[in-house]
């Protein structure tokens, strides 16, 4: 968890920052994406992701916890009924920050923060698949090697037998 900053936060006190971030989270859930400064977007991301996590729970106590931060009931309703089902299978990473350049007046770095609402494609577990494949191949290859060795042994014995007989005839 990141260490909280000391002193003035985002141009005001801690209460002002909390109110500002809650309002920005409300706007993010209402519009699905907002443009702000890079610093504010980075500070907003954990707040918004925590609220989405509460919305995924969907129970009454979670709704009340979200209502303590977001005061607009229509935004809370949208968060619980529209956004939460779209991110139900996602395990975190509900927001994305994209840097967009610099503001014209004061050259502040700008960014767009948006909700990631695309469906999640489950990735196959590569480590587990790779671990299982060599074991399966080793089991399959072992009998094949034994069979090949068994087939080669009579052939070698057959090749050795005429050589032994030839050696015996020369000895006589």
Protein backbone atom coordinates (compact mmCIF):
# COMPACT_ATOMS: atom_id res chain seq x y z
CA UNK A 1 0.00 0.00 0.00
CA UNK A 2 1.42 3.41 -0.89
CA UNK A 3 2.46 5.67 1.95
CA UNK A 4 0.07 8.64 2.29
CA UNK A 5 1.50 12.06 1.56
CA UNK A 6 2.04 14.54 4.35
CA UNK A 7 0.96 18.13 4.47
CA UNK A 8 -1.28 19.81 1.90
CA UNK A 9 -2.84 17.41 -0.56
CA UNK A 10 -3.80 18.34 -4.11
CA UNK A 11 -3.87 22.04 -3.31
CA UNK A 12 -5.86 21.82 -0.08
CA UNK A 13 -6.25 19.98 3.19
CA UNK A 14 -7.06 16.32 3.69
CA UNK A 15 -10.81 16.93 3.98
CA UNK A 16 -10.81 18.92 0.73
CA UNK A 17 -8.86 16.15 -1.04
CA UNK A 18 -11.30 13.51 0.22
CA UNK A 19 -14.28 15.52 -1.04
CA UNK A 20 -12.58 16.20 -4.36
CA UNK A 21 -11.68 12.53 -4.94
CA UNK A 22 -15.20 11.38 -3.98
CA UNK A 23 -16.71 13.86 -6.45
CA UNK A 24 -14.27 12.78 -9.18
CA UNK A 25 -15.19 9.13 -8.51
CA UNK A 26 -18.84 10.07 -8.86
CA UNK A 27 -18.14 11.76 -12.20
CA UNK A 28 -16.08 8.74 -13.33
CA UNK A 29 -18.94 6.33 -12.64
CA UNK A 30 -21.44 8.64 -14.30
CA UNK A 31 -19.45 9.32 -17.51
CA UNK A 32 -17.26 6.14 -17.57
CA UNK A 33 -14.17 8.29 -18.31
CA UNK A 34 -12.90 11.70 -17.27
CA UNK A 35 -9.90 13.85 -18.14
CA UNK A 36 -7.89 15.32 -15.29
CA UNK A 37 -4.29 15.88 -14.28
CA UNK A 38 -2.04 12.87 -14.01
CA UNK A 39 -1.56 13.35 -10.26
CA UNK A 40 -5.29 13.50 -9.55
CA UNK A 41 -5.89 10.45 -11.72
CA UNK A 42 -3.28 8.46 -9.80
CA UNK A 43 -4.83 9.52 -6.50
CA UNK A 44 -8.35 8.73 -7.77
CA UNK A 45 -7.56 5.21 -8.99
CA UNK A 46 -7.45 3.39 -5.62
CA UNK A 47 -10.56 5.25 -4.40
CA UNK A 48 -12.57 4.27 -7.48
CA UNK A 49 -11.35 0.67 -7.46
CA UNK A 50 -12.32 0.25 -3.82
CA UNK A 51 -15.82 1.55 -4.55
CA UNK A 52 -16.18 -0.86 -7.48
CA UNK A 53 -15.09 -3.71 -5.20
CA UNK A 54 -17.86 -2.77 -2.78
CA UNK A 55 -20.32 -2.61 -5.66
CA UNK A 56 -19.35 -6.13 -6.73
CA UNK A 57 -20.39 -7.40 -3.29
CA UNK A 58 -23.81 -5.93 -3.94
CA UNK A 59 -25.28 -6.27 -0.44
CA UNK A 60 -26.98 -3.56 1.60
CA UNK A 61 -24.00 -2.83 3.84
CA UNK A 62 -21.76 -2.38 0.78
CA UNK A 63 -24.29 0.02 -0.74
CA UNK A 64 -24.35 2.03 2.49
CA UNK A 65 -20.53 2.13 2.60
CA UNK A 66 -20.49 3.53 -0.93
CA UNK A 67 -23.26 6.02 -0.09
CA UNK A 68 -21.00 7.47 2.62
CA UNK A 69 -18.56 8.57 -0.10
CA UNK A 70 -20.76 9.15 -3.14
CA UNK A 71 -23.73 11.29 -2.19
CA UNK A 72 -25.63 11.07 -5.50
CA UNK A 73 -28.06 8.14 -5.28
CA UNK A 74 -28.45 7.85 -9.04
CA UNK A 75 -24.68 7.37 -9.47
CA UNK A 76 -24.62 4.71 -6.73
CA UNK A 77 -27.53 2.95 -8.42
CA UNK A 78 -25.69 3.03 -11.76
CA UNK A 79 -22.54 1.69 -10.08
CA UNK A 80 -24.35 -1.24 -8.50
CA UNK A 81 -26.71 -2.13 -11.36
CA UNK A 82 -24.69 -1.38 -14.52
CA UNK A 83 -20.97 -1.26 -13.72
CA UNK A 84 -20.69 -4.04 -11.11
CA UNK A 85 -22.16 -6.79 -13.36
CA UNK A 86 -19.78 -5.82 -16.18
CA UNK A 87 -16.70 -6.25 -13.97
CA UNK A 88 -18.00 -9.27 -12.05
CA UNK A 89 -15.38 -11.69 -13.43
CA UNK A 90 -12.51 -9.19 -13.23
CA UNK A 91 -10.20 -9.52 -10.23
CA UNK A 92 -9.09 -5.92 -9.87
CA UNK A 93 -7.82 -3.44 -12.42
CA UNK A 94 -11.17 -1.77 -12.93
CA UNK A 95 -9.66 1.53 -14.08
CA UNK A 96 -7.10 2.53 -16.69
CA UNK A 97 -5.00 5.70 -16.84
CA UNK A 98 -3.88 6.96 -20.24
CA UNK A 99 -1.51 9.91 -20.43
CA UNK A 100 -2.72 12.43 -23.00
CA UNK A 101 -0.19 15.26 -23.06
CA UNK A 102 0.11 18.62 -21.39
CA UNK A 103 -2.40 21.35 -20.61
CA UNK A 104 -2.03 24.49 -22.71
CA UNK A 105 -2.13 27.08 -19.95
CA UNK A 106 0.17 25.73 -17.23
CA UNK A 107 1.76 22.74 -18.99
CA UNK A 108 0.36 20.33 -16.38
CA UNK A 109 0.49 16.67 -17.47
CA UNK A 110 -3.01 15.47 -18.36
CA UNK A 111 -4.43 11.97 -18.26
CA UNK A 112 -7.70 10.21 -18.99
CA UNK A 113 -8.92 7.79 -16.35
CA UNK A 114 -11.57 5.35 -17.56
CA UNK A 115 -13.39 2.28 -16.39
CA UNK A 116 -12.30 -1.01 -17.93
CA UNK A 117 -15.62 -2.62 -18.85
CA UNK A 118 -14.46 -5.10 -21.49
CA UNK A 119 -15.16 -8.75 -20.64
CA UNK A 120 -12.27 -10.74 -19.24
CA UNK A 121 -10.84 -13.55 -21.38
CA UNK A 122 -9.52 -16.22 -19.01
CA UNK A 123 -5.95 -17.07 -19.89
CA UNK A 124 -4.84 -20.70 -19.76
CA UNK A 125 -2.44 -21.39 -16.95
CA UNK A 126 0.85 -21.65 -18.81
CA UNK A 127 2.93 -22.79 -15.85
CA UNK A 128 0.54 -25.61 -14.97
CA UNK A 129 0.18 -26.66 -18.60
CA UNK A 130 3.94 -26.70 -19.14
CA UNK A 131 4.50 -28.65 -15.92
CA UNK A 132 1.98 -31.32 -16.93
CA UNK A 133 3.13 -31.72 -20.55
CA UNK A 134 6.69 -32.97 -19.89
CA UNK A 135 5.41 -35.52 -17.37
CA UNK A 136 2.90 -36.86 -19.86
CA UNK A 137 5.54 -37.02 -22.61
CA UNK A 138 8.04 -38.74 -20.32
CA UNK A 139 5.48 -41.40 -19.41
CA UNK A 140 4.56 -41.95 -23.05
CA UNK A 141 8.16 -42.00 -24.27
CA UNK A 142 9.42 -44.51 -21.69
CA UNK A 143 7.44 -47.51 -23.01
CA UNK A 144 8.28 -46.53 -26.58
CA UNK A 145 11.99 -46.51 -25.74
CA UNK A 146 11.71 -49.89 -23.98
CA UNK A 147 9.87 -51.35 -26.97
CA UNK A 148 12.47 -49.94 -29.32
CA UNK A 149 15.24 -51.34 -27.13
CA UNK A 150 13.47 -54.71 -27.04
CA UNK A 151 13.16 -54.68 -30.82
CA UNK A 152 16.80 -53.70 -31.27
CA UNK A 153 18.06 -56.37 -28.86
CA UNK A 154 16.93 -59.38 -30.96
CA UNK A 155 18.25 -57.64 -34.05
CA UNK A 156 21.60 -57.14 -32.32
CA UNK A 157 21.55 -60.71 -31.05
CA UNK A 158 20.74 -61.92 -34.55
CA UNK A 159 23.60 -59.86 -35.93
CA UNK A 160 25.92 -61.15 -33.21
CA UNK A 161 24.86 -64.79 -33.76
CA UNK A 162 26.16 -65.04 -37.36
CA UNK A 163 29.32 -63.27 -36.29
CA UNK A 164 29.82 -65.78 -33.44
CA UNK A 165 29.12 -68.70 -35.79
CA UNK A 166 31.61 -67.31 -38.28
CA UNK A 167 34.20 -66.99 -35.51
CA UNK A 168 33.57 -70.59 -34.41
CA UNK A 169 33.94 -71.91 -37.96
CA UNK A 170 37.25 -70.10 -38.37
CA UNK A 171 38.43 -71.51 -35.05
CA UNK A 172 37.74 -75.05 -36.28
